[in-house]
Amino acid sequence: MAPKSFSQRLVLWGVDELLVKYPGLRLAPAEGKAVKFTGILNFVAEATGKERIGDGYQLELSIPYGFPEQIPLVRETGGRIPPSYHKLDNGALCLGSPTRLRLTLTESPSIIRFVERCLIPYLYGHSYFERYHSLPFAELKHGKDGLLQDLASLIGTEREDIIPEFVWLTAMKKRLANRQRCPCGSQRRLGRCHHRRINAIRDRLGRSWFRILYYELTEGGGRALRTPRAR
């Protein structure tokens, strides 16, 4: 059952542990149904085969009451990260594809997990970029192309053109989807082909999430994509 009070949320999300481990952050007043943290996030991180970097950024984290189903928004408030470096239209940091972020967050309601698995890798990447003018790991394309690229990786195909069909099957009930022909071209039913990956991400995120994604990838056309919200 979802927590109903502010204090219950703080306990469930491990806020005390977050503030002890990252003492540069502090709780701040927030409007609406969100918990806000501001301050400096100091970290030490590295990527495989890359330099270990210690750094710190002035940030504002807004954690919606629907967390972890709803994705937090993070803004860099020190003026260090330019708008051209992986930011959303609203100025928040683009930490990854919404689907990938939600898959990470469904594993735990801990804010520390979000900070360490989603936010610090982004900040490390920017710090590395400042030093070497290249990124320490592969990056997604922007907008719709990035969604297609990431979903192709999750589903296990190199063909981004068939991703909307896979997303539509993921939005179906399992039994119905498994009877449909797999979009990969194998001529087999989904239930005898890519069903394990499709069923796994459907079970974790729910069919409604993929109905929203299907709209964004098809009827949304070339306009700017909204970040889907769980329902």
Protein backbone atom coordinates (compact mmCIF):
# COMPACT_ATOMS: atom_id res chain seq x y z
CA MET A 1 0.00 0.00 0.00
CA ALA A 2 1.33 3.45 -0.89
CA PRO A 3 2.21 5.68 2.06
CA LYS A 4 -0.37 8.34 2.86
CA SER A 5 1.58 10.84 4.96
CA PHE A 6 4.65 12.95 4.36
CA SER A 7 6.56 11.23 7.17
CA GLN A 8 5.68 7.76 5.85
CA ARG A 9 7.12 8.67 2.49
CA LEU A 10 10.35 9.92 4.05
CA VAL A 11 10.78 6.61 5.86
CA LEU A 12 9.88 4.42 2.87
CA TRP A 13 12.21 6.35 0.56
CA GLY A 14 15.15 6.21 2.98
CA VAL A 15 15.52 9.98 3.27
CA ASP A 16 17.53 9.81 6.51
CA GLU A 17 20.05 7.49 4.85
CA LEU A 18 20.27 9.81 1.85
CA LEU A 19 21.02 12.88 3.99
CA VAL A 20 23.63 11.00 6.03
CA LYS A 21 25.43 9.65 2.97
CA TYR A 22 25.18 12.92 1.02
CA PRO A 23 25.30 15.66 3.69
CA GLY A 24 25.50 18.43 1.12
CA LEU A 25 21.80 17.87 0.36
CA ARG A 26 18.94 19.11 2.54
CA LEU A 27 15.17 19.01 2.53
CA ALA A 28 13.58 22.16 1.13
CA PRO A 29 10.02 23.53 0.96
CA ALA A 30 8.09 22.15 -2.01
CA GLU A 31 4.82 23.06 -3.69
CA GLY A 32 2.30 20.41 -4.64
CA LYS A 33 2.70 16.69 -4.15
CA ALA A 34 6.48 16.46 -4.13
CA VAL A 35 9.45 16.28 -1.76
CA LYS A 36 12.31 18.60 -2.67
CA PHE A 37 16.03 18.43 -1.91
CA THR A 38 18.53 21.19 -2.65
CA GLY A 39 22.25 21.61 -2.14
CA ILE A 40 25.50 20.12 -3.37
CA LEU A 41 25.73 16.46 -4.33
CA ASN A 42 29.35 15.35 -3.86
CA PHE A 43 30.34 12.00 -5.35
CA VAL A 44 33.22 9.81 -6.49
CA ALA A 45 32.52 7.63 -9.52
CA GLU A 46 34.10 5.86 -12.45
CA ALA A 47 33.14 4.01 -15.60
CA THR A 48 34.66 0.75 -16.82
CA GLY A 49 38.17 1.46 -18.01
CA LYS A 50 37.80 5.20 -17.37
CA GLU A 51 39.21 7.64 -14.85
CA ARG A 52 37.86 7.81 -11.32
CA ILE A 53 36.48 11.31 -10.73
CA GLY A 54 35.40 13.12 -7.58
CA ASP A 55 33.16 16.13 -8.11
CA GLY A 56 30.13 18.02 -6.85
CA TYR A 57 27.12 19.77 -8.39
CA GLN A 58 24.58 22.25 -7.06
CA LEU A 59 21.21 20.58 -7.61
CA GLU A 60 17.48 20.65 -6.97
CA LEU A 61 15.76 17.27 -6.79
CA SER A 62 11.96 17.08 -6.89
CA ILE A 63 10.62 13.66 -5.87
CA PRO A 64 6.91 13.24 -6.77
CA TYR A 65 4.60 11.53 -4.30
CA GLY A 66 4.11 8.83 -6.96
CA PHE A 67 7.79 7.80 -6.73
CA PRO A 68 9.10 5.27 -7.72
CA GLU A 69 6.36 4.85 -10.36
CA GLN A 70 6.81 8.53 -11.28
CA ILE A 71 10.26 9.73 -12.24
CA PRO A 72 11.93 12.52 -10.21
CA LEU A 73 13.03 15.76 -11.85
CA VAL A 74 16.54 17.08 -11.27
CA ARG A 75 17.82 20.53 -12.14
CA GLU A 76 21.40 21.74 -11.95
CA THR A 77 21.25 25.16 -10.29
CA GLY A 78 24.90 26.19 -10.36
CA GLY A 79 24.96 27.16 -14.05
CA ARG A 80 27.63 24.59 -14.86
CA ILE A 81 25.76 22.24 -17.21
CA PRO A 82 24.76 24.03 -20.44
CA PRO A 83 21.32 23.56 -22.05
CA SER A 84 23.00 21.75 -24.95
CA TYR A 85 24.16 18.91 -22.69
CA HIS A 86 21.37 16.34 -22.39
CA LYS A 87 18.58 18.38 -20.86
CA LEU A 88 14.81 18.14 -21.26
CA ASP A 89 12.74 20.95 -22.71
CA ASN A 90 11.82 22.08 -19.19
CA GLY A 91 15.47 22.43 -18.19
CA ALA A 92 15.62 19.26 -16.09
CA LEU A 93 18.49 16.84 -16.61
CA CYS A 94 17.84 14.07 -19.15
CA LEU A 95 19.00 11.10 -17.11
CA GLY A 96 18.00 8.42 -19.62
CA SER A 97 15.00 6.99 -21.38
CA PRO A 98 11.81 7.01 -19.26
CA THR A 99 11.38 3.26 -19.67
CA ARG A 100 14.94 2.49 -18.57
CA LEU A 101 14.62 4.84 -15.58
CA ARG A 102 11.34 3.25 -14.48
CA LEU A 103 12.82 -0.25 -14.77
CA THR A 104 15.62 0.84 -12.47
CA LEU A 105 13.26 2.48 -9.99
CA THR A 106 10.84 -0.44 -9.76
CA GLU A 107 13.57 -2.48 -8.10
CA SER A 108 13.51 -0.29 -4.97
CA PRO A 109 11.67 2.77 -3.59
CA SER A 110 14.97 4.15 -2.25
CA ILE A 111 15.99 7.66 -3.31
CA ILE A 112 19.62 6.65 -2.80
CA ARG A 113 19.15 4.08 -5.55
CA PHE A 114 17.84 6.78 -7.88
CA VAL A 115 20.75 9.07 -7.01
CA GLU A 116 23.41 6.41 -7.43
CA ARG A 117 22.02 4.48 -10.39
CA CYS A 118 20.48 7.32 -12.43
CA LEU A 119 21.80 10.71 -11.33
CA ILE A 120 25.47 10.20 -10.45
CA PRO A 121 26.29 8.39 -13.75
CA TYR A 122 24.89 11.43 -15.60
CA LEU A 123 26.96 13.84 -13.49
CA TYR A 124 30.06 11.69 -13.86
CA GLY A 125 29.54 11.71 -17.63
CA HIS A 126 29.40 15.50 -17.66
CA SER A 127 32.50 15.84 -15.47
CA TYR A 128 34.36 13.46 -17.79
CA PHE A 129 33.13 15.39 -20.81
CA GLU A 130 34.42 18.65 -19.35
CA ARG A 131 37.88 17.14 -19.01
CA TYR A 132 38.19 15.11 -22.20
CA HIS A 133 35.49 16.46 -24.56
CA SER A 134 34.11 12.96 -25.04
CA LEU A 135 31.68 10.78 -23.10
CA PRO A 136 32.86 7.79 -21.05
CA PHE A 137 30.03 5.57 -22.27
CA ALA A 138 27.58 5.26 -25.15
CA GLU A 139 24.81 7.84 -25.34
CA LEU A 140 21.25 7.65 -26.60
CA LYS A 141 20.00 9.66 -29.52
CA HIS A 142 17.63 12.53 -28.74
CA GLY A 143 13.83 12.41 -28.68
CA LYS A 144 11.90 9.68 -30.46
CA ASP A 145 15.04 8.17 -31.97
CA GLY A 146 16.46 7.67 -28.49
CA LEU A 147 13.29 5.92 -27.31
CA LEU A 148 13.46 3.55 -30.27
CA GLN A 149 17.16 2.89 -29.71
CA ASP A 150 16.73 2.07 -26.03
CA LEU A 151 13.63 -0.08 -26.51
CA ALA A 152 15.45 -2.05 -29.22
CA SER A 153 18.20 -2.78 -26.70
CA LEU A 154 15.68 -3.90 -24.06
CA ILE A 155 13.79 -6.16 -26.46
CA GLY A 156 16.92 -7.62 -28.05
CA THR A 157 16.74 -6.52 -31.68
CA GLU A 158 18.79 -4.23 -33.91
CA ARG A 159 15.74 -3.20 -35.97
CA GLU A 160 14.32 0.03 -34.62
CA ASP A 161 11.64 0.14 -37.33
CA ILE A 162 9.70 -2.73 -35.71
CA ILE A 163 9.81 -1.34 -32.16
CA PRO A 164 6.28 0.22 -32.30
CA GLU A 165 4.90 -3.25 -33.10
CA PHE A 166 6.70 -4.74 -30.12
CA VAL A 167 5.44 -1.91 -27.91
CA TRP A 168 1.86 -2.56 -29.04
CA LEU A 169 2.22 -6.25 -28.14
CA THR A 170 3.63 -5.28 -24.74
CA ALA A 171 0.50 -3.17 -24.18
CA MET A 172 -1.69 -6.25 -24.75
CA LYS A 173 -2.64 -8.93 -22.26
CA LYS A 174 -0.04 -11.69 -22.18
CA ARG A 175 -2.23 -14.46 -23.59
CA LEU A 176 -3.42 -12.37 -26.50
CA ALA A 177 0.02 -11.00 -27.31
CA ASN A 178 1.64 -14.44 -27.27
CA ARG A 179 -0.71 -15.59 -30.05
CA GLN A 180 0.35 -12.78 -32.39
CA ARG A 181 3.11 -13.12 -34.97
CA CYS A 182 6.44 -11.84 -33.65
CA PRO A 183 7.47 -8.58 -35.38
CA CYS A 184 11.08 -9.75 -35.74
CA GLY A 185 10.29 -11.66 -38.96
CA SER A 186 10.87 -15.16 -37.60
CA GLN A 187 7.37 -16.22 -38.75
CA ARG A 188 6.76 -17.60 -35.26
CA ARG A 189 4.23 -16.50 -32.69
CA LEU A 190 5.51 -14.09 -30.04
CA GLY A 191 4.94 -16.85 -27.46
CA ARG A 192 7.61 -18.92 -29.20
CA CYS A 193 10.01 -16.08 -29.95
CA HIS A 194 10.64 -12.78 -28.05
CA HIS A 195 8.03 -13.48 -25.36
CA ARG A 196 10.42 -13.69 -22.39
CA ARG A 197 11.70 -10.13 -22.74
CA ILE A 198 8.28 -8.74 -23.60
CA ASN A 199 6.59 -10.47 -20.68
CA ALA A 200 9.32 -9.40 -18.25
CA ILE A 201 9.06 -5.68 -18.96
CA ARG A 202 5.23 -5.83 -19.13
CA ASP A 203 5.14 -7.47 -15.70
CA ARG A 204 7.38 -4.78 -14.21
CA LEU A 205 5.89 -1.64 -15.77
CA GLY A 206 2.31 -2.55 -16.66
CA ARG A 207 0.39 -2.47 -19.93
CA SER A 208 -0.78 1.13 -19.61
CA TRP A 209 2.81 2.39 -19.72
CA PHE A 210 3.30 0.80 -23.12
CA ARG A 211 -0.02 2.10 -24.43
CA ILE A 212 1.31 5.60 -23.72
CA LEU A 213 4.64 4.78 -25.36
CA TYR A 214 2.87 3.41 -28.43
CA TYR A 215 1.04 6.70 -28.85
CA GLU A 216 4.27 8.64 -28.47
CA LEU A 217 5.99 6.52 -31.10
CA THR A 218 3.14 6.61 -33.65
CA GLU A 219 0.41 9.23 -33.34
CA GLY A 220 2.86 11.61 -31.68
CA GLY A 221 4.65 11.99 -34.99
CA GLY A 222 7.63 14.30 -35.04
CA ARG A 223 6.57 16.62 -32.22
CA ALA A 224 8.47 16.81 -28.94
CA LEU A 225 7.86 13.72 -26.82
CA ARG A 226 6.35 14.01 -23.38
CA THR A 227 7.74 11.93 -20.53
CA PRO A 228 5.11 9.19 -20.05
CA ARG A 229 3.48 8.95 -16.64
CA ALA A 230 2.44 5.71 -15.03
CA ARG A 231 -1.28 5.16 -14.59
